[in-house]
Each structure stands twice: as C-alpha cells, then as structure tokens.
Amino acid sequence: MIIVHATFQINPAKENLFLEEIQPLIAASREENGNISYGLQKDVENEHVFLMIEIWQDMQAVASHNSSDHFTKFVAKAKDFLTAPLDIKAYEGQQLKL
C-alpha cells in the first residue's frame, strides 16, 4: 500500500477557486483502479493549508494516477493557487489489525 501526502499552501484570494477546481480531481481519482482512499483535509492549525491524503494499492496505481488526464490537467493549473511549492511525501505501509 502506498500513502501519499500532498500539502497545498493556498493563496487566500484563490482559496474558493482552488476548492472548486480540485473537486473533479478528487471525484475522478476515487474512481481509479487501485485507489483505496483520496481525500482533501483542511489544516486546522495553519490557515489556507490543505492536505491531500491518498492511499493506493501499489506503485502501479500511483503511476497510472500521475499520468491520468484529470491529474495532469489539475497539476498544470495548481501553481496558480499556491504560495509555496507543493510538498509531496510518499510512504509504503500496510493496514494494521488493532
């Protein structure tokens, strides 16, 4: 399982547009083969910061997602919303039974 955290620091003047533009990416990504979870969270400690938390079955699913039309279209416009470079971290993990 691959876990991706993408941190977006958003220009306050463009936050509503960012939230509107990212919705098709979220919806389409959730429908992809190999997607387990794909959600955008607002940072409650840092204003105008959002975290996309993605969980994928494997690296092949991540690679397919990264080359998808909906992903590449969003990435092309993402820089217009950002006040800092996009921060992406990826982890390999497995679900634990508690």
N, C-alpha and C. Protein backbone atom coordinates (compact mmCIF):
# COMPACT_ATOMS: atom_id res chain seq x y z
N MET A 1 0.85 -1.17 0.00
CA MET A 1 0.00 0.00 0.00
C MET A 1 0.90 1.23 0.00
N ILE A 2 0.54 2.21 -0.83
CA ILE A 2 1.29 3.46 -0.94
C ILE A 2 0.42 4.59 -0.39
N ILE A 3 0.98 5.38 0.51
CA ILE A 3 0.28 6.51 1.12
C ILE A 3 0.99 7.78 0.66
N VAL A 4 0.22 8.71 0.10
CA VAL A 4 0.78 9.97 -0.39
C VAL A 4 0.14 11.12 0.38
N HIS A 5 0.98 12.03 0.84
CA HIS A 5 0.53 13.27 1.48
C HIS A 5 1.01 14.42 0.61
N ALA A 6 0.08 15.19 0.08
CA ALA A 6 0.41 16.36 -0.73
C ALA A 6 -0.11 17.60 -0.01
N THR A 7 0.80 18.49 0.39
CA THR A 7 0.44 19.68 1.14
C THR A 7 0.38 20.88 0.20
N PHE A 8 -0.78 21.54 0.22
CA PHE A 8 -1.02 22.72 -0.60
C PHE A 8 -1.10 23.95 0.30
N GLN A 9 -0.25 24.94 0.06
CA GLN A 9 -0.35 26.23 0.74
C GLN A 9 -0.99 27.18 -0.27
N ILE A 10 -2.21 27.59 0.02
CA ILE A 10 -3.05 28.27 -0.96
C ILE A 10 -3.09 29.77 -0.74
N ASN A 11 -3.04 30.50 -1.83
CA ASN A 11 -3.23 31.95 -1.81
C ASN A 11 -4.65 32.22 -1.29
N PRO A 12 -4.80 32.97 -0.20
CA PRO A 12 -6.13 33.21 0.37
C PRO A 12 -7.13 33.78 -0.64
N ALA A 13 -6.67 34.60 -1.55
CA ALA A 13 -7.57 35.19 -2.54
C ALA A 13 -8.08 34.16 -3.56
N LYS A 14 -7.40 33.01 -3.64
CA LYS A 14 -7.77 32.00 -4.63
C LYS A 14 -8.27 30.71 -3.99
N GLU A 15 -8.51 30.73 -2.68
CA GLU A 15 -8.89 29.50 -1.99
C GLU A 15 -10.21 28.92 -2.49
N ASN A 16 -11.22 29.75 -2.69
CA ASN A 16 -12.51 29.24 -3.18
C ASN A 16 -12.38 28.64 -4.57
N LEU A 17 -11.61 29.27 -5.43
CA LEU A 17 -11.39 28.72 -6.78
C LEU A 17 -10.62 27.40 -6.70
N PHE A 18 -9.62 27.34 -5.84
CA PHE A 18 -8.88 26.09 -5.64
C PHE A 18 -9.82 24.97 -5.23
N LEU A 19 -10.69 25.24 -4.25
CA LEU A 19 -11.62 24.21 -3.76
C LEU A 19 -12.59 23.78 -4.85
N GLU A 20 -12.97 24.68 -5.72
CA GLU A 20 -13.85 24.36 -6.83
C GLU A 20 -13.12 23.52 -7.88
N GLU A 21 -11.92 23.93 -8.22
CA GLU A 21 -11.14 23.26 -9.27
C GLU A 21 -10.65 21.87 -8.87
N ILE A 22 -10.47 21.64 -7.57
CA ILE A 22 -9.92 20.35 -7.14
C ILE A 22 -11.00 19.26 -7.04
N GLN A 23 -12.26 19.65 -7.00
CA GLN A 23 -13.34 18.66 -6.85
C GLN A 23 -13.37 17.61 -7.98
N PRO A 24 -13.24 18.00 -9.25
CA PRO A 24 -13.21 16.96 -10.30
C PRO A 24 -12.03 16.00 -10.16
N LEU A 25 -10.89 16.51 -9.71
CA LEU A 25 -9.73 15.64 -9.48
C LEU A 25 -10.05 14.61 -8.41
N ILE A 26 -10.64 15.06 -7.32
CA ILE A 26 -10.98 14.15 -6.22
C ILE A 26 -11.96 13.08 -6.69
N ALA A 27 -13.02 13.51 -7.35
CA ALA A 27 -14.05 12.56 -7.81
C ALA A 27 -13.48 11.54 -8.78
N ALA A 28 -12.72 11.99 -9.76
CA ALA A 28 -12.16 11.07 -10.76
C ALA A 28 -11.12 10.14 -10.14
N SER A 29 -10.31 10.66 -9.22
CA SER A 29 -9.26 9.84 -8.59
C SER A 29 -9.87 8.72 -7.76
N ARG A 30 -10.97 9.00 -7.10
CA ARG A 30 -11.63 7.96 -6.29
C ARG A 30 -12.16 6.82 -7.14
N GLU A 31 -12.38 7.07 -8.43
CA GLU A 31 -12.89 6.03 -9.34
C GLU A 31 -11.79 5.21 -10.00
N GLU A 32 -10.55 5.59 -9.80
CA GLU A 32 -9.44 4.89 -10.47
C GLU A 32 -9.21 3.50 -9.89
N ASN A 33 -8.78 2.59 -10.76
CA ASN A 33 -8.37 1.27 -10.30
C ASN A 33 -7.17 1.43 -9.38
N GLY A 34 -7.18 0.75 -8.26
CA GLY A 34 -6.07 0.80 -7.33
C GLY A 34 -6.18 1.88 -6.28
N ASN A 35 -7.22 2.72 -6.37
CA ASN A 35 -7.39 3.75 -5.34
C ASN A 35 -8.15 3.16 -4.16
N ILE A 36 -7.62 3.37 -2.98
CA ILE A 36 -8.26 2.92 -1.74
C ILE A 36 -8.95 4.10 -1.07
N SER A 37 -8.28 5.25 -1.08
CA SER A 37 -8.83 6.44 -0.45
C SER A 37 -8.18 7.68 -1.06
N TYR A 38 -8.97 8.76 -1.16
CA TYR A 38 -8.45 10.00 -1.75
C TYR A 38 -9.26 11.14 -1.16
N GLY A 39 -8.66 11.90 -0.25
CA GLY A 39 -9.42 12.95 0.42
C GLY A 39 -8.61 14.19 0.71
N LEU A 40 -9.28 15.33 0.65
CA LEU A 40 -8.66 16.61 0.94
C LEU A 40 -9.08 17.05 2.34
N GLN A 41 -8.09 17.41 3.15
CA GLN A 41 -8.34 17.85 4.52
C GLN A 41 -7.81 19.26 4.71
N LYS A 42 -8.52 20.07 5.47
CA LYS A 42 -8.07 21.42 5.79
C LYS A 42 -7.26 21.37 7.09
N ASP A 43 -6.11 22.00 7.08
CA ASP A 43 -5.26 22.06 8.27
C ASP A 43 -5.90 23.04 9.26
N VAL A 44 -6.22 22.57 10.44
CA VAL A 44 -6.90 23.43 11.43
C VAL A 44 -5.92 24.31 12.19
N GLU A 45 -4.62 24.07 12.03
CA GLU A 45 -3.61 24.88 12.72
C GLU A 45 -2.96 25.91 11.81
N ASN A 46 -3.06 25.71 10.51
CA ASN A 46 -2.42 26.60 9.54
C ASN A 46 -3.45 27.04 8.51
N GLU A 47 -3.81 28.30 8.59
CA GLU A 47 -4.82 28.84 7.69
C GLU A 47 -4.36 28.74 6.23
N HIS A 48 -5.26 28.38 5.34
CA HIS A 48 -5.04 28.28 3.90
C HIS A 48 -4.09 27.15 3.52
N VAL A 49 -3.99 26.14 4.38
CA VAL A 49 -3.19 24.96 4.08
C VAL A 49 -4.12 23.75 4.03
N PHE A 50 -3.95 22.94 2.97
CA PHE A 50 -4.76 21.75 2.77
C PHE A 50 -3.83 20.56 2.56
N LEU A 51 -4.30 19.39 2.96
CA LEU A 51 -3.53 18.16 2.81
C LEU A 51 -4.36 17.14 2.06
N MET A 52 -3.84 16.70 0.92
CA MET A 52 -4.48 15.61 0.18
C MET A 52 -3.85 14.32 0.70
N ILE A 53 -4.70 13.44 1.21
CA ILE A 53 -4.23 12.15 1.71
C ILE A 53 -4.75 11.09 0.75
N GLU A 54 -3.80 10.41 0.11
CA GLU A 54 -4.13 9.40 -0.89
C GLU A 54 -3.62 8.04 -0.43
N ILE A 55 -4.41 7.02 -0.64
CA ILE A 55 -3.96 5.65 -0.37
C ILE A 55 -4.20 4.84 -1.63
N TRP A 56 -3.13 4.21 -2.10
CA TRP A 56 -3.16 3.45 -3.35
C TRP A 56 -2.75 2.00 -3.09
N GLN A 57 -3.24 1.13 -3.91
CA GLN A 57 -2.95 -0.30 -3.77
C GLN A 57 -1.45 -0.58 -3.96
N ASP A 58 -0.83 0.06 -4.96
CA ASP A 58 0.58 -0.19 -5.25
C ASP A 58 1.15 0.95 -6.10
N MET A 59 2.43 0.87 -6.42
CA MET A 59 3.09 1.93 -7.19
C MET A 59 2.55 2.01 -8.62
N GLN A 60 2.10 0.89 -9.15
CA GLN A 60 1.50 0.91 -10.49
C GLN A 60 0.25 1.79 -10.50
N ALA A 61 -0.56 1.71 -9.46
CA ALA A 61 -1.75 2.56 -9.36
C ALA A 61 -1.37 4.03 -9.23
N VAL A 62 -0.31 4.32 -8.47
CA VAL A 62 0.17 5.70 -8.33
C VAL A 62 0.65 6.22 -9.69
N ALA A 63 1.43 5.42 -10.40
CA ALA A 63 1.94 5.83 -11.71
C ALA A 63 0.80 6.08 -12.69
N SER A 64 -0.19 5.22 -12.67
CA SER A 64 -1.35 5.40 -13.55
C SER A 64 -2.08 6.70 -13.20
N HIS A 65 -2.26 6.95 -11.92
CA HIS A 65 -2.91 8.18 -11.46
C HIS A 65 -2.11 9.40 -11.91
N ASN A 66 -0.80 9.37 -11.73
CA ASN A 66 0.04 10.52 -12.06
C ASN A 66 0.06 10.83 -13.55
N SER A 67 -0.31 9.88 -14.38
CA SER A 67 -0.35 10.13 -15.82
C SER A 67 -1.79 10.31 -16.34
N SER A 68 -2.76 10.27 -15.43
CA SER A 68 -4.16 10.41 -15.85
C SER A 68 -4.45 11.82 -16.32
N ASP A 69 -5.44 11.94 -17.17
CA ASP A 69 -5.83 13.24 -17.72
C ASP A 69 -6.28 14.20 -16.63
N HIS A 70 -7.11 13.73 -15.70
CA HIS A 70 -7.62 14.62 -14.65
C HIS A 70 -6.49 15.10 -13.73
N PHE A 71 -5.50 14.26 -13.48
CA PHE A 71 -4.38 14.66 -12.64
C PHE A 71 -3.48 15.67 -13.35
N THR A 72 -3.09 15.38 -14.59
CA THR A 72 -2.19 16.27 -15.31
C THR A 72 -2.84 17.63 -15.57
N LYS A 73 -4.14 17.65 -15.82
CA LYS A 73 -4.84 18.92 -16.02
C LYS A 73 -4.84 19.76 -14.74
N PHE A 74 -5.07 19.11 -13.59
CA PHE A 74 -5.07 19.86 -12.35
C PHE A 74 -3.66 20.36 -12.01
N VAL A 75 -2.67 19.53 -12.17
CA VAL A 75 -1.29 19.92 -11.85
C VAL A 75 -0.87 21.13 -12.69
N ALA A 76 -1.32 21.18 -13.93
CA ALA A 76 -0.96 22.30 -14.80
C ALA A 76 -1.48 23.63 -14.27
N LYS A 77 -2.62 23.61 -13.56
CA LYS A 77 -3.16 24.86 -13.02
C LYS A 77 -2.88 25.04 -11.54
N ALA A 78 -2.38 24.05 -10.86
CA ALA A 78 -2.19 24.11 -9.41
C ALA A 78 -1.26 25.25 -9.00
N LYS A 79 -0.23 25.50 -9.76
CA LYS A 79 0.74 26.55 -9.39
C LYS A 79 0.08 27.91 -9.28
N ASP A 80 -1.05 28.11 -9.97
CA ASP A 80 -1.77 29.39 -9.91
C ASP A 80 -2.39 29.64 -8.53
N PHE A 81 -2.58 28.58 -7.75
CA PHE A 81 -3.22 28.69 -6.44
C PHE A 81 -2.22 28.74 -5.29
N LEU A 82 -1.00 28.30 -5.52
CA LEU A 82 -0.03 28.06 -4.45
C LEU A 82 0.78 29.31 -4.06
N THR A 83 1.10 29.39 -2.76
CA THR A 83 2.00 30.43 -2.27
C THR A 83 3.38 29.84 -1.93
N ALA A 84 3.50 28.52 -2.03
CA ALA A 84 4.75 27.80 -1.79
C ALA A 84 4.73 26.56 -2.66
N PRO A 85 5.89 25.99 -2.95
CA PRO A 85 5.90 24.76 -3.76
C PRO A 85 5.08 23.65 -3.10
N LEU A 86 4.43 22.86 -3.93
CA LEU A 86 3.67 21.71 -3.46
C LEU A 86 4.63 20.76 -2.76
N ASP A 87 4.26 20.30 -1.58
CA ASP A 87 5.10 19.41 -0.78
C ASP A 87 4.47 18.02 -0.82
N ILE A 88 5.16 17.07 -1.46
CA ILE A 88 4.63 15.72 -1.62
C ILE A 88 5.55 14.73 -0.92
N LYS A 89 4.93 13.90 -0.09
CA LYS A 89 5.66 12.84 0.60
C LYS A 89 4.91 11.53 0.34
N ALA A 90 5.66 10.46 0.09
CA ALA A 90 5.05 9.15 -0.15
C ALA A 90 5.63 8.13 0.83
N TYR A 91 4.76 7.23 1.25
CA TYR A 91 5.14 6.21 2.24
C TYR A 91 4.64 4.86 1.79
N GLU A 92 5.36 3.83 2.17
CA GLU A 92 4.90 2.47 1.94
C GLU A 92 4.41 1.93 3.27
N GLY A 93 3.26 1.31 3.27
CA GLY A 93 2.70 0.83 4.53
C GLY A 93 1.75 -0.32 4.33
N GLN A 94 1.21 -0.76 5.43
CA GLN A 94 0.20 -1.81 5.40
C GLN A 94 -0.78 -1.57 6.53
N GLN A 95 -2.00 -1.99 6.33
CA GLN A 95 -3.02 -1.78 7.34
C GLN A 95 -2.76 -2.74 8.51
N LEU A 96 -2.86 -2.20 9.71
CA LEU A 96 -2.67 -3.00 10.91
C LEU A 96 -4.02 -3.40 11.48
N LYS A 97 -4.08 -4.59 12.03
CA LYS A 97 -5.30 -5.05 12.70
C LYS A 97 -5.12 -4.76 14.17
N LEU A 98 -5.96 -3.87 14.70
CA LEU A 98 -5.84 -3.49 16.10
C LEU A 98 -6.83 -4.23 16.96
